[in-house]
């Protein structure tokens, strides 16, 4: 009986310790491919998630959707949870790598400006949203062909105990 209780306590601690989300996303011309893997229990349990779609199709589907009743409280809570998670360290991007190739065969200036502006944008977003992150962003221009290829990968760490603490505090305020 004591052994069963101990095993359950160890299992619960392992689940609540740290959740890692390994992800990558690739944009190539007008096609978007995403993959994420949720790792629980020190990486023993792995839950993969994949999505592939065309960017034009995704925009078209979004415009055709029917207007649903919005739940502002849930969106506000999720936004608050994400911002609090970054503040108290419950949500941490431990590493981020981005590589890319942007090109316009007709205009070299446009290729250089596009690649440079996308690189600065990614650098700025990562440094503002996740200040302690090890990040590497390298977007280069291509002068021979018309192309857009961006590949991003990283590791997002989530501490469930901190998120539960924020939820308990929020519930204590009576605003969930």
Protein backbone atom coordinates (compact mmCIF):
# COMPACT_ATOMS: atom_id res chain seq x y z
CA UNK A 1 0.00 0.00 0.00
CA UNK A 2 2.81 2.39 0.93
CA UNK A 3 4.65 1.45 -2.25
CA UNK A 4 1.56 2.21 -4.35
CA UNK A 5 1.15 5.61 -2.65
CA UNK A 6 4.84 6.36 -3.22
CA UNK A 7 4.63 5.36 -6.90
CA UNK A 8 1.55 7.58 -7.39
CA UNK A 9 3.32 10.51 -5.71
CA UNK A 10 6.42 10.06 -7.89
CA UNK A 11 4.25 9.83 -11.02
CA UNK A 12 2.38 13.03 -10.06
CA UNK A 13 5.65 14.86 -9.40
CA UNK A 14 7.00 13.72 -12.78
CA UNK A 15 3.88 14.98 -14.55
CA UNK A 16 3.96 18.34 -12.80
CA UNK A 17 7.70 18.87 -13.04
CA UNK A 18 8.26 20.28 -16.51
CA UNK A 19 6.49 19.87 -19.83
CA UNK A 20 8.56 20.42 -22.96
CA UNK A 21 7.09 21.28 -26.33
CA UNK A 22 9.44 20.73 -29.24
CA UNK A 23 8.16 22.42 -32.36
CA UNK A 24 9.05 23.31 -35.90
CA UNK A 25 7.24 25.21 -38.60
CA UNK A 26 8.18 25.59 -42.24
CA UNK A 27 6.81 28.05 -44.77
CA UNK A 28 7.69 27.27 -48.36
CA UNK A 29 6.18 29.47 -51.07
CA UNK A 30 2.46 29.18 -50.22
CA UNK A 31 2.58 26.01 -48.12
CA UNK A 32 2.74 25.79 -44.31
CA UNK A 33 3.92 22.66 -42.46
CA UNK A 34 3.88 22.52 -38.64
CA UNK A 35 4.88 19.82 -36.16
CA UNK A 36 4.91 19.87 -32.37
CA UNK A 37 5.76 17.17 -29.87
CA UNK A 38 4.56 17.37 -26.29
CA UNK A 39 6.95 15.60 -23.90
CA UNK A 40 5.71 14.56 -20.47
CA UNK A 41 7.27 12.53 -17.68
CA UNK A 42 10.88 13.54 -18.44
CA UNK A 43 10.39 12.79 -22.14
CA UNK A 44 9.07 9.24 -21.70
CA UNK A 45 5.57 10.12 -22.94
CA UNK A 46 5.60 11.85 -26.32
CA UNK A 47 2.49 13.20 -28.00
CA UNK A 48 3.06 14.31 -31.63
CA UNK A 49 0.86 16.86 -33.41
CA UNK A 50 1.12 17.67 -37.14
CA UNK A 51 -0.58 20.10 -39.50
CA UNK A 52 -0.06 20.86 -43.17
CA UNK A 53 -2.00 23.42 -45.17
CA UNK A 54 -1.76 25.95 -47.94
CA UNK A 55 -1.60 29.54 -46.74
CA UNK A 56 -4.15 30.70 -49.33
CA UNK A 57 -6.52 27.88 -48.31
CA UNK A 58 -6.10 28.77 -44.64
CA UNK A 59 -6.94 32.44 -45.30
CA UNK A 60 -9.94 31.41 -47.43
CA UNK A 61 -11.25 29.07 -44.73
CA UNK A 62 -10.91 31.77 -42.13
CA UNK A 63 -12.99 34.20 -44.20
CA UNK A 64 -15.72 31.58 -44.86
CA UNK A 65 -16.22 30.64 -41.20
CA UNK A 66 -19.46 31.57 -39.61
CA UNK A 67 -19.32 34.15 -36.90
CA UNK A 68 -19.56 32.36 -33.57
CA UNK A 69 -20.38 33.75 -30.23
CA UNK A 70 -17.07 34.87 -28.72
CA UNK A 71 -16.05 34.15 -25.18
CA UNK A 72 -14.06 37.20 -24.14
CA UNK A 73 -13.47 35.95 -20.60
CA UNK A 74 -11.67 32.84 -21.84
CA UNK A 75 -9.52 34.83 -24.26
CA UNK A 76 -8.67 37.37 -21.59
CA UNK A 77 -7.78 34.57 -19.15
CA UNK A 78 -5.54 32.83 -21.72
CA UNK A 79 -3.80 36.11 -22.55
CA UNK A 80 -3.31 36.80 -18.83
CA UNK A 81 -2.03 33.27 -18.26
CA UNK A 82 0.51 33.59 -21.07
CA UNK A 83 1.73 36.99 -19.90
CA UNK A 84 1.93 35.85 -16.25
CA UNK A 85 3.66 32.68 -17.43
CA UNK A 86 6.40 34.70 -19.09
CA UNK A 87 6.73 36.96 -16.03
CA UNK A 88 7.00 34.21 -13.39
CA UNK A 89 8.97 31.76 -15.55
CA UNK A 90 6.20 29.20 -16.04
CA UNK A 91 6.39 29.62 -19.81
CA UNK A 92 9.93 29.78 -21.14
CA UNK A 93 11.34 29.47 -24.64
CA UNK A 94 14.68 27.79 -23.96
CA UNK A 95 15.94 27.80 -27.55
CA UNK A 96 14.78 29.12 -30.90
CA UNK A 97 16.40 28.75 -34.29
CA UNK A 98 15.17 30.28 -37.52
CA UNK A 99 16.68 29.88 -40.97
CA UNK A 100 15.31 31.25 -44.16
CA UNK A 101 15.69 32.20 -47.76
CA UNK A 102 13.73 35.04 -49.34
CA UNK A 103 14.24 35.95 -52.95
CA UNK A 104 12.95 37.92 -55.89
CA UNK A 105 14.72 37.13 -59.16
CA UNK A 106 13.68 40.45 -60.74
CA UNK A 107 14.78 42.81 -57.95
CA UNK A 108 17.90 42.22 -55.82
CA UNK A 109 17.13 45.23 -53.60
CA UNK A 110 13.72 43.78 -52.71
CA UNK A 111 15.35 40.44 -51.87
CA UNK A 112 17.87 42.05 -49.52
CA UNK A 113 15.31 44.33 -47.85
CA UNK A 114 12.78 41.50 -47.44
CA UNK A 115 15.33 39.13 -45.90
CA UNK A 116 16.72 41.82 -43.60
CA UNK A 117 13.33 43.03 -42.40
CA UNK A 118 12.09 39.49 -41.66
CA UNK A 119 15.30 38.76 -39.73
CA UNK A 120 14.99 41.94 -37.67
CA UNK A 121 11.28 41.22 -37.02
CA UNK A 122 11.98 37.69 -35.72
CA UNK A 123 14.91 38.92 -33.58
CA UNK A 124 12.78 41.68 -32.09
CA UNK A 125 9.77 39.43 -31.39
CA UNK A 126 11.85 36.78 -29.65
CA UNK A 127 13.80 39.29 -27.57
CA UNK A 128 10.62 41.12 -26.48
CA UNK A 129 8.42 38.07 -25.80
CA UNK A 130 11.09 35.78 -24.33
CA UNK A 131 14.06 37.84 -23.04
CA UNK A 132 16.22 34.97 -21.72
CA UNK A 133 15.98 32.80 -24.84
CA UNK A 134 18.97 31.51 -26.76
CA UNK A 135 17.98 32.43 -30.27
CA UNK A 136 19.55 32.32 -33.69
CA UNK A 137 17.89 33.94 -36.69
CA UNK A 138 19.51 33.78 -40.12
CA UNK A 139 17.45 34.87 -43.13
CA UNK A 140 19.44 35.28 -46.35
CA UNK A 141 18.41 36.81 -49.68
CA UNK A 142 18.27 34.78 -52.86
CA UNK A 143 18.96 36.57 -56.14
CA UNK A 144 18.41 33.72 -58.61
CA UNK A 145 14.79 32.72 -58.00
CA UNK A 146 11.46 33.84 -56.56
CA UNK A 147 11.12 31.99 -53.28
CA UNK A 148 10.13 32.20 -49.67
CA UNK A 149 11.42 29.50 -47.35
CA UNK A 150 11.45 29.96 -43.57
CA UNK A 151 12.16 27.18 -41.10
CA UNK A 152 11.69 27.69 -37.34
CA UNK A 153 12.33 25.26 -34.51
CA UNK A 154 12.58 25.55 -30.78
CA UNK A 155 11.87 24.17 -27.33
CA UNK A 156 9.15 25.67 -25.14
CA UNK A 157 9.18 24.72 -21.46
CA UNK A 158 6.01 24.90 -19.35
CA UNK A 159 5.93 24.56 -15.56
CA UNK A 160 2.41 23.32 -14.73
CA UNK A 161 2.77 24.16 -11.04
CA UNK A 162 3.24 27.86 -11.80
CA UNK A 163 0.28 27.86 -14.20
CA UNK A 164 -1.92 26.16 -11.60
CA UNK A 165 -0.77 28.72 -9.04
CA UNK A 166 -1.83 31.55 -11.40
CA UNK A 167 -5.19 29.83 -11.97
CA UNK A 168 -5.77 29.48 -8.22
CA UNK A 169 -4.90 33.12 -7.64
CA UNK A 170 -7.21 34.16 -10.50
CA UNK A 171 -10.03 31.98 -9.14
CA UNK A 172 -9.53 33.53 -5.70
CA UNK A 173 -10.15 36.91 -7.28
CA UNK A 174 -13.41 35.51 -8.73
CA UNK A 175 -12.67 36.37 -12.37
CA UNK A 176 -12.34 32.97 -14.06
